[in-house]
Amino acid sequence: MDSLVTMKQLMSMSGLSRPEIIKAIESKSLPKPLPLGPWDFGWDEKVIKKWLLNRG
């Protein structure tokens, strides 16, 4: 696994707000994040890069 991308990083990379990212997860266009602890989560960087490319 590559580096992990946090919500804050994903917001910066994608230009989307937190609610927009949550909607993308709920609509299954964005994979669910990986749990990292009770209050923390993140995405595999490869998954995010692929998602951003496919998003256009």
C-alpha atoms as a PDB file:
ATOM      1  CA  MET A   1       0.000   0.000   0.000  1.00  0.00           C
ATOM      2  CA  ASP A   2       1.191   3.523  -0.793  1.00  0.00           C
ATOM      3  CA  SER A   3       0.708   6.489   1.462  1.00  0.00           C
ATOM      4  CA  LEU A   4      -2.653   7.200   2.980  1.00  0.00           C
ATOM      5  CA  VAL A   5      -4.726  10.228   2.041  1.00  0.00           C
ATOM      6  CA  THR A   6      -6.739  11.916   4.793  1.00  0.00           C
ATOM      7  CA  MET A   7     -10.058  13.686   4.331  1.00  0.00           C
ATOM      8  CA  LYS A   8      -8.324  17.069   4.558  1.00  0.00           C
ATOM      9  CA  GLN A   9      -5.803  16.036   1.893  1.00  0.00           C
ATOM     10  CA  LEU A  10      -8.551  14.666  -0.341  1.00  0.00           C
ATOM     11  CA  MET A  11     -10.479  17.921  -0.023  1.00  0.00           C
ATOM     12  CA  SER A  12      -7.372  19.814  -1.128  1.00  0.00           C
ATOM     13  CA  MET A  13      -6.551  17.405  -3.977  1.00  0.00           C
ATOM     14  CA  SER A  14     -10.083  17.227  -5.363  1.00  0.00           C
ATOM     15  CA  GLY A  15     -11.398  20.712  -4.657  1.00  0.00           C
ATOM     16  CA  LEU A  16     -14.485  19.088  -3.106  1.00  0.00           C
ATOM     17  CA  SER A  17     -16.008  19.894   0.263  1.00  0.00           C
ATOM     18  CA  ARG A  18     -16.473  17.306   3.011  1.00  0.00           C
ATOM     19  CA  PRO A  19     -20.227  16.929   2.228  1.00  0.00           C
ATOM     20  CA  GLU A  20     -19.441  16.435  -1.478  1.00  0.00           C
ATOM     21  CA  ILE A  21     -16.905  13.712  -0.638  1.00  0.00           C
ATOM     22  CA  ILE A  22     -19.413  12.013   1.671  1.00  0.00           C
ATOM     23  CA  LYS A  23     -22.005  12.087  -1.142  1.00  0.00           C
ATOM     24  CA  ALA A  24     -19.446  10.509  -3.494  1.00  0.00           C
ATOM     25  CA  ILE A  25     -18.859   7.713  -0.941  1.00  0.00           C
ATOM     26  CA  GLU A  26     -22.608   7.192  -0.460  1.00  0.00           C
ATOM     27  CA  SER A  27     -23.188   7.025  -4.227  1.00  0.00           C
ATOM     28  CA  LYS A  28     -20.300   4.554  -4.443  1.00  0.00           C
ATOM     29  CA  SER A  29     -18.374   6.673  -6.953  1.00  0.00           C
ATOM     30  CA  LEU A  30     -15.626   6.989  -4.325  1.00  0.00           C
ATOM     31  CA  PRO A  31     -14.539   3.877  -2.385  1.00  0.00           C
ATOM     32  CA  LYS A  32     -15.087   3.860   1.357  1.00  0.00           C
ATOM     33  CA  PRO A  33     -12.050   4.918   3.388  1.00  0.00           C
ATOM     34  CA  LEU A  34      -9.976   2.480   5.399  1.00  0.00           C
ATOM     35  CA  PRO A  35     -10.418   2.609   9.181  1.00  0.00           C
ATOM     36  CA  LEU A  36      -7.178   3.616  10.895  1.00  0.00           C
ATOM     37  CA  GLY A  37      -8.486   3.857  14.430  1.00  0.00           C
ATOM     38  CA  PRO A  38     -11.633   4.747  16.321  1.00  0.00           C
ATOM     39  CA  TRP A  39     -11.707   8.335  14.992  1.00  0.00           C
ATOM     40  CA  ASP A  40      -9.407   8.221  11.986  1.00  0.00           C
ATOM     41  CA  PHE A  41      -9.635   6.953   8.433  1.00  0.00           C
ATOM     42  CA  GLY A  42      -7.931   7.386   5.092  1.00  0.00           C
ATOM     43  CA  TRP A  43      -7.700   6.139   1.533  1.00  0.00           C
ATOM     44  CA  ASP A  44      -4.889   4.359  -0.262  1.00  0.00           C
ATOM     45  CA  GLU A  45      -3.149   7.008  -2.370  1.00  0.00           C
ATOM     46  CA  LYS A  46      -3.301   4.812  -5.503  1.00  0.00           C
ATOM     47  CA  VAL A  47      -7.082   4.511  -5.166  1.00  0.00           C
ATOM     48  CA  ILE A  48      -7.452   8.288  -4.842  1.00  0.00           C
ATOM     49  CA  LYS A  49      -5.173   9.038  -7.794  1.00  0.00           C
ATOM     50  CA  LYS A  50      -7.167   6.608  -9.974  1.00  0.00           C
ATOM     51  CA  TRP A  51     -10.466   8.107  -8.759  1.00  0.00           C
ATOM     52  CA  LEU A  52      -9.274  11.642  -9.515  1.00  0.00           C
ATOM     53  CA  LEU A  53      -8.168  10.647 -13.032  1.00  0.00           C
ATOM     54  CA  ASN A  54     -11.466   8.888 -13.764  1.00  0.00           C
ATOM     55  CA  ARG A  55     -13.398  11.848 -12.395  1.00  0.00           C
ATOM     56  CA  GLY A  56     -12.026  14.065 -15.128  1.00  0.00           C
END
